[in-house]
PDB file of all heavy atoms in Angstrom:
ATOM      1  N   ILE A   1      20.639 -17.717  10.718  1.00  0.00           N
ATOM      2  CA  ILE A   1      21.005 -16.727  11.735  1.00  0.00           C
ATOM      3  C   ILE A   1      22.297 -16.021  11.337  1.00  0.00           C
ATOM      4  O   ILE A   1      22.607 -14.928  11.862  1.00  0.00           O
ATOM      5  CB  ILE A   1      21.068 -17.377  13.111  1.00  0.00           C
ATOM      6  CG1 ILE A   1      20.771 -16.333  14.193  1.00  0.00           C
ATOM      7  CG2 ILE A   1      22.412 -18.074  13.313  1.00  0.00           C
ATOM      8  CD1 ILE A   1      19.418 -15.774  14.205  1.00  0.00           C
ATOM      9  N   TYR A   2      23.048 -16.567  10.409  1.00  0.00           N
ATOM     10  CA  TYR A   2      24.298 -15.926   9.980  1.00  0.00           C
ATOM     11  C   TYR A   2      24.027 -14.601   9.279  1.00  0.00           C
ATOM     12  O   TYR A   2      24.921 -13.788   9.142  1.00  0.00           O
ATOM     13  CB  TYR A   2      25.099 -16.881   9.068  1.00  0.00           C
ATOM     14  CG  TYR A   2      26.454 -16.320   8.671  1.00  0.00           C
ATOM     15  CD1 TYR A   2      27.479 -16.154   9.585  1.00  0.00           C
ATOM     16  CD2 TYR A   2      26.690 -15.993   7.347  1.00  0.00           C
ATOM     17  CE1 TYR A   2      28.692 -15.624   9.199  1.00  0.00           C
ATOM     18  CE2 TYR A   2      27.963 -15.485   6.926  1.00  0.00           C
ATOM     19  CZ  TYR A   2      28.942 -15.300   7.889  1.00  0.00           C
ATOM     20  OH  TYR A   2      30.130 -14.782   7.521  1.00  0.00           O
ATOM     21  N   ILE A   3      22.842 -14.402   8.812  1.00  0.00           N
ATOM     22  CA  ILE A   3      22.463 -13.139   8.202  1.00  0.00           C
ATOM     23  C   ILE A   3      22.745 -11.997   9.208  1.00  0.00           C
ATOM     24  O   ILE A   3      23.083 -10.869   8.793  1.00  0.00           O
ATOM     25  CB  ILE A   3      20.999 -13.116   7.731  1.00  0.00           C
ATOM     26  CG1 ILE A   3      20.837 -14.130   6.586  1.00  0.00           C
ATOM     27  CG2 ILE A   3      20.554 -11.714   7.272  1.00  0.00           C
ATOM     28  CD1 ILE A   3      19.383 -14.349   6.178  1.00  0.00           C
ATOM     29  N   ALA A   4      22.597 -12.272  10.461  1.00  0.00           N
ATOM     30  CA  ALA A   4      22.837 -11.246  11.502  1.00  0.00           C
ATOM     31  C   ALA A   4      24.314 -10.812  11.489  1.00  0.00           C
ATOM     32  O   ALA A   4      24.619  -9.664  11.830  1.00  0.00           O
ATOM     33  CB  ALA A   4      22.484 -11.779  12.886  1.00  0.00           C
ATOM     34  N   ASP A   5      25.244 -11.753  11.125  1.00  0.00           N
ATOM     35  CA  ASP A   5      26.682 -11.360  11.070  1.00  0.00           C
ATOM     36  C   ASP A   5      26.884 -10.296   9.995  1.00  0.00           C
ATOM     37  O   ASP A   5      27.664  -9.340  10.166  1.00  0.00           O
ATOM     38  CB  ASP A   5      27.502 -12.612  10.798  1.00  0.00           C
ATOM     39  CG  ASP A   5      27.507 -13.555  11.967  1.00  0.00           C
ATOM     40  OD1 ASP A   5      26.483 -14.072  12.342  1.00  0.00           O
ATOM     41  OD2 ASP A   5      28.605 -13.789  12.518  1.00  0.00           O
ATOM     42  N   ALA A   6      26.191 -10.436   8.878  1.00  0.00           N
ATOM     43  CA  ALA A   6      26.288  -9.470   7.813  1.00  0.00           C
ATOM     44  C   ALA A   6      25.659  -8.127   8.272  1.00  0.00           C
ATOM     45  O   ALA A   6      26.196  -7.069   7.998  1.00  0.00           O
ATOM     46  CB  ALA A   6      25.623  -9.976   6.548  1.00  0.00           C
ATOM     47  N   ALA A   7      24.547  -8.233   8.926  1.00  0.00           N
ATOM     48  CA  ALA A   7      23.877  -7.025   9.447  1.00  0.00           C
ATOM     49  C   ALA A   7      24.762  -6.283  10.460  1.00  0.00           C
ATOM     50  O   ALA A   7      24.817  -5.058  10.463  1.00  0.00           O
ATOM     51  CB  ALA A   7      22.501  -7.381  10.054  1.00  0.00           C
ATOM     52  N   LEU A   8      25.415  -7.037  11.310  1.00  0.00           N
ATOM     53  CA  LEU A   8      26.319  -6.453  12.301  1.00  0.00           C
ATOM     54  C   LEU A   8      27.439  -5.683  11.591  1.00  0.00           C
ATOM     55  O   LEU A   8      27.808  -4.557  11.946  1.00  0.00           O
ATOM     56  CB  LEU A   8      26.909  -7.517  13.200  1.00  0.00           C
ATOM     57  CG  LEU A   8      27.994  -7.109  14.196  1.00  0.00           C
ATOM     58  CD1 LEU A   8      27.443  -6.075  15.173  1.00  0.00           C
ATOM     59  CD2 LEU A   8      28.545  -8.291  14.939  1.00  0.00           C
ATOM     60  N   TYR A   9      27.997  -6.282  10.536  1.00  0.00           N
ATOM     61  CA  TYR A   9      29.058  -5.637   9.783  1.00  0.00           C
ATOM     62  C   TYR A   9      28.518  -4.344   9.131  1.00  0.00           C
ATOM     63  O   TYR A   9      29.183  -3.308   9.187  1.00  0.00           O
ATOM     64  CB  TYR A   9      29.534  -6.585   8.713  1.00  0.00           C
ATOM     65  CG  TYR A   9      30.606  -5.985   7.806  1.00  0.00           C
ATOM     66  CD1 TYR A   9      31.937  -5.862   8.248  1.00  0.00           C
ATOM     67  CD2 TYR A   9      30.312  -5.561   6.517  1.00  0.00           C
ATOM     68  CE1 TYR A   9      32.920  -5.365   7.410  1.00  0.00           C
ATOM     69  CE2 TYR A   9      31.275  -4.985   5.676  1.00  0.00           C
ATOM     70  CZ  TYR A   9      32.561  -4.911   6.131  1.00  0.00           C
ATOM     71  OH  TYR A   9      33.519  -4.339   5.338  1.00  0.00           O
ATOM     72  N   LEU A  10      27.331  -4.370   8.584  1.00  0.00           N
ATOM     73  CA  LEU A  10      26.743  -3.200   7.926  1.00  0.00           C
ATOM     74  C   LEU A  10      26.396  -2.095   8.953  1.00  0.00           C
ATOM     75  O   LEU A  10      26.441  -0.914   8.649  1.00  0.00           O
ATOM     76  CB  LEU A  10      25.471  -3.603   7.191  1.00  0.00           C
ATOM     77  CG  LEU A  10      25.734  -4.473   5.940  1.00  0.00           C
ATOM     78  CD1 LEU A  10      24.413  -4.986   5.364  1.00  0.00           C
ATOM     79  CD2 LEU A  10      26.512  -3.701   4.870  1.00  0.00           C
ATOM     80  N   MET A  11      26.074  -2.498  10.202  1.00  0.00           N
ATOM     81  CA  MET A  11      25.829  -1.490  11.255  1.00  0.00           C
ATOM     82  C   MET A  11      26.976  -0.572  11.418  1.00  0.00           C
ATOM     83  O   MET A  11      26.842   0.634  11.636  1.00  0.00           O
ATOM     84  CB  MET A  11      25.582  -2.208  12.590  1.00  0.00           C
ATOM     85  CG  MET A  11      24.190  -2.775  12.800  1.00  0.00           C
ATOM     86  SD  MET A  11      24.097  -3.731  14.364  1.00  0.00           S
ATOM     87  CE  MET A  11      24.491  -2.460  15.569  1.00  0.00           C
ATOM     88  N   LYS A  12      28.208  -1.110  11.321  1.00  0.00           N
ATOM     89  CA  LYS A  12      29.425  -0.349  11.520  1.00  0.00           C
ATOM     90  C   LYS A  12      29.917   0.308  10.269  1.00  0.00           C
ATOM     91  O   LYS A  12      30.520   1.409  10.334  1.00  0.00           O
ATOM     92  CB  LYS A  12      30.490  -1.271  12.102  1.00  0.00           C
ATOM     93  CG  LYS A  12      30.099  -2.036  13.348  1.00  0.00           C
ATOM     94  CD  LYS A  12      29.865  -1.066  14.531  1.00  0.00           C
ATOM     95  CE  LYS A  12      29.542  -1.835  15.779  1.00  0.00           C
ATOM     96  NZ  LYS A  12      29.324  -0.902  16.924  1.00  0.00           N
ATOM     97  N   HIS A  13      29.734  -0.352   9.101  1.00  0.00           N
ATOM     98  CA  HIS A  13      30.325   0.154   7.874  1.00  0.00           C
ATOM     99  C   HIS A  13      29.395   0.875   6.941  1.00  0.00           C
ATOM    100  O   HIS A  13      29.829   1.574   6.027  1.00  0.00           O
ATOM    101  CB  HIS A  13      30.995  -1.020   7.161  1.00  0.00           C
ATOM    102  CG  HIS A  13      32.148  -1.599   7.887  1.00  0.00           C
ATOM    103  ND1 HIS A  13      33.435  -1.122   7.762  1.00  0.00           N
ATOM    104  CD2 HIS A  13      32.217  -2.613   8.786  1.00  0.00           C
ATOM    105  CE1 HIS A  13      34.264  -1.822   8.536  1.00  0.00           C
ATOM    106  NE2 HIS A  13      33.536  -2.699   9.197  1.00  0.00           N
ATOM    107  N   LYS A  14      28.076   0.751   7.167  1.00  0.00           N
ATOM    108  CA  LYS A  14      27.082   1.514   6.401  1.00  0.00           C
ATOM    109  C   LYS A  14      26.050   2.026   7.363  1.00  0.00           C
ATOM    110  O   LYS A  14      24.866   1.617   7.342  1.00  0.00           O
ATOM    111  CB  LYS A  14      26.452   0.646   5.339  1.00  0.00           C
ATOM    112  CG  LYS A  14      27.400   0.356   4.139  1.00  0.00           C
ATOM    113  CD  LYS A  14      26.626  -0.181   2.946  1.00  0.00           C
ATOM    114  CE  LYS A  14      27.545  -0.308   1.755  1.00  0.00           C
ATOM    115  NZ  LYS A  14      26.820  -0.808   0.525  1.00  0.00           N
ATOM    116  N   PRO A  15      26.413   3.001   8.227  1.00  0.00           N
ATOM    117  CA  PRO A  15      25.491   3.521   9.229  1.00  0.00           C
ATOM    118  C   PRO A  15      24.275   4.167   8.608  1.00  0.00           C
ATOM    119  O   PRO A  15      23.248   4.298   9.291  1.00  0.00           O
ATOM    120  CB  PRO A  15      26.359   4.524  10.001  1.00  0.00           C
ATOM    121  CG  PRO A  15      27.472   4.889   9.083  1.00  0.00           C
ATOM    122  CD  PRO A  15      27.750   3.610   8.303  1.00  0.00           C
ATOM    123  N   GLU A  16      24.350   4.573   7.371  1.00  0.00           N
ATOM    124  CA  GLU A  16      23.220   5.228   6.717  1.00  0.00           C
ATOM    125  C   GLU A  16      22.020   4.255   6.599  1.00  0.00           C
ATOM    126  O   GLU A  16      20.891   4.705   6.349  1.00  0.00           O
ATOM    127  CB  GLU A  16      23.604   5.759   5.305  1.00  0.00           C
ATOM    128  CG  GLU A  16      24.023   4.716   4.304  1.00  0.00           C
ATOM    129  CD  GLU A  16      25.526   4.344   4.333  1.00  0.00           C
ATOM    130  OE1 GLU A  16      26.166   4.703   5.373  1.00  0.00           O
ATOM    131  OE2 GLU A  16      25.995   3.775   3.343  1.00  0.00           O
ATOM    132  N   LEU A  17      22.281   2.970   6.726  1.00  0.00           N
ATOM    133  CA  LEU A  17      21.162   2.043   6.688  1.00  0.00           C
ATOM    134  C   LEU A  17      20.298   2.066   7.937  1.00  0.00           C
ATOM    135  O   LEU A  17      19.193   1.608   7.970  1.00  0.00           O
ATOM    136  CB  LEU A  17      21.717   0.585   6.476  1.00  0.00           C
ATOM    137  CG  LEU A  17      22.245   0.252   5.107  1.00  0.00           C
ATOM    138  CD1 LEU A  17      22.986  -1.113   5.150  1.00  0.00           C
ATOM    139  CD2 LEU A  17      21.112   0.220   4.100  1.00  0.00           C
ATOM    140  N   GLY A  18      20.903   2.580   8.993  1.00  0.00           N
ATOM    141  CA  GLY A  18      20.137   2.753  10.231  1.00  0.00           C
ATOM    142  C   GLY A  18      19.918   1.481  11.035  1.00  0.00           C
ATOM    143  O   GLY A  18      18.946   1.397  11.782  1.00  0.00           O
ATOM    144  N   ILE A  19      20.732   0.469  10.843  1.00  0.00           N
ATOM    145  CA  ILE A  19      20.587  -0.771  11.560  1.00  0.00           C
ATOM    146  C   ILE A  19      20.959  -0.566  13.038  1.00  0.00           C
ATOM    147  O   ILE A  19      22.094  -0.135  13.301  1.00  0.00           O
ATOM    148  CB  ILE A  19      21.389  -1.902  10.974  1.00  0.00           C
ATOM    149  CG1 ILE A  19      20.943  -2.167   9.489  1.00  0.00           C
ATOM    150  CG2 ILE A  19      21.282  -3.187  11.776  1.00  0.00           C
ATOM    151  CD1 ILE A  19      21.809  -3.160   8.771  1.00  0.00           C
ATOM    152  N   LYS A  20      20.061  -0.864  13.960  1.00  0.00           N
ATOM    153  CA  LYS A  20      20.344  -0.678  15.365  1.00  0.00           C
ATOM    154  C   LYS A  20      20.480  -2.038  16.082  1.00  0.00           C
ATOM    155  O   LYS A  20      21.014  -2.110  17.199  1.00  0.00           O
ATOM    156  CB  LYS A  20      19.243   0.117  16.029  1.00  0.00           C
ATOM    157  CG  LYS A  20      18.992   1.517  15.417  1.00  0.00           C
ATOM    158  CD  LYS A  20      20.286   2.351  15.468  1.00  0.00           C
ATOM    159  CE  LYS A  20      20.008   3.775  14.890  1.00  0.00           C
ATOM    160  NZ  LYS A  20      21.256   4.580  14.857  1.00  0.00           N
ATOM    161  N   ASN A  21      19.935  -3.053  15.473  1.00  0.00           N
ATOM    162  CA  ASN A  21      19.952  -4.383  16.039  1.00  0.00           C
ATOM    163  C   ASN A  21      20.027  -5.349  14.882  1.00  0.00           C
ATOM    164  O   ASN A  21      19.170  -5.295  13.978  1.00  0.00           O
ATOM    165  CB  ASN A  21      18.674  -4.629  16.896  1.00  0.00           C
ATOM    166  CG  ASN A  21      18.635  -5.970  17.562  1.00  0.00           C
ATOM    167  OD1 ASN A  21      18.933  -7.025  16.967  1.00  0.00           O
ATOM    168  ND2 ASN A  21      18.230  -6.002  18.838  1.00  0.00           N
ATOM    169  N   PRO A  22      21.051  -6.226  14.839  1.00  0.00           N
ATOM    170  CA  PRO A  22      21.211  -7.107  13.641  1.00  0.00           C
ATOM    171  C   PRO A  22      20.092  -8.145  13.488  1.00  0.00           C
ATOM    172  O   PRO A  22      20.051  -8.871  12.460  1.00  0.00           O
ATOM    173  CB  PRO A  22      22.537  -7.792  13.902  1.00  0.00           C
ATOM    174  CG  PRO A  22      22.739  -7.739  15.384  1.00  0.00           C
ATOM    175  CD  PRO A  22      22.109  -6.458  15.818  1.00  0.00           C
ATOM    176  N   TYR A  23      19.205  -8.262  14.466  1.00  0.00           N
ATOM    177  CA  TYR A  23      18.076  -9.216  14.383  1.00  0.00           C
ATOM    178  C   TYR A  23      16.767  -8.504  14.045  1.00  0.00           C
ATOM    179  O   TYR A  23      15.697  -9.144  13.997  1.00  0.00           O
ATOM    180  CB  TYR A  23      17.925 -10.022  15.667  1.00  0.00           C
ATOM    181  CG  TYR A  23      19.232 -10.707  16.078  1.00  0.00           C
ATOM    182  CD1 TYR A  23      20.048 -10.152  17.047  1.00  0.00           C
ATOM    183  CD2 TYR A  23      19.631 -11.881  15.382  1.00  0.00           C
ATOM    184  CE1 TYR A  23      21.251 -10.757  17.375  1.00  0.00           C
ATOM    185  CE2 TYR A  23      20.835 -12.497  15.746  1.00  0.00           C
ATOM    186  CZ  TYR A  23      21.624 -11.925  16.716  1.00  0.00           C
ATOM    187  OH  TYR A  23      22.861 -12.513  17.030  1.00  0.00           O
ATOM    188  N   ALA A  24      16.853  -7.161  13.844  1.00  0.00           N
ATOM    189  CA  ALA A  24      15.669  -6.361  13.522  1.00  0.00           C
ATOM    190  C   ALA A  24      15.947  -5.669  12.188  1.00  0.00           C
ATOM    191  O   ALA A  24      16.509  -4.548  12.204  1.00  0.00           O
ATOM    192  CB  ALA A  24      15.359  -5.381  14.624  1.00  0.00           C
ATOM    193  N   LEU A  25      15.587  -6.259  11.093  1.00  0.00           N
ATOM    194  CA  LEU A  25      15.918  -5.691   9.773  1.00  0.00           C
ATOM    195  C   LEU A  25      14.613  -5.469   8.953  1.00  0.00           C
ATOM    196  O   LEU A  25      13.829  -6.394   8.736  1.00  0.00           O
ATOM    197  CB  LEU A  25      16.795  -6.684   9.062  1.00  0.00           C
ATOM    198  CG  LEU A  25      18.104  -7.100   9.735  1.00  0.00           C
ATOM    199  CD1 LEU A  25      18.825  -8.132   8.917  1.00  0.00           C
ATOM    200  CD2 LEU A  25      19.002  -5.916   9.990  1.00  0.00           C
ATOM    201  N   ASP A  26      14.431  -4.223   8.553  1.00  0.00           N
ATOM    202  CA  ASP A  26      13.309  -3.918   7.665  1.00  0.00           C
ATOM    203  C   ASP A  26      13.690  -4.303   6.219  1.00  0.00           C
ATOM    204  O   ASP A  26      14.782  -4.837   6.002  1.00  0.00           O
ATOM    205  CB  ASP A  26      12.899  -2.453   7.749  1.00  0.00           C
ATOM    206  CG  ASP A  26      14.038  -1.496   7.366  1.00  0.00           C
ATOM    207  OD1 ASP A  26      14.872  -1.798   6.525  1.00  0.00           O
ATOM    208  OD2 ASP A  26      14.041  -0.345   7.926  1.00  0.00           O
TER     209      ASP A  26
END
């Protein structure tokens, strides 16, 4: 589940990835 912490960080620092929810990753 710690992968979500990385996804949360990327949400803010790499918005071009389009992450809207750190538990919903394509």
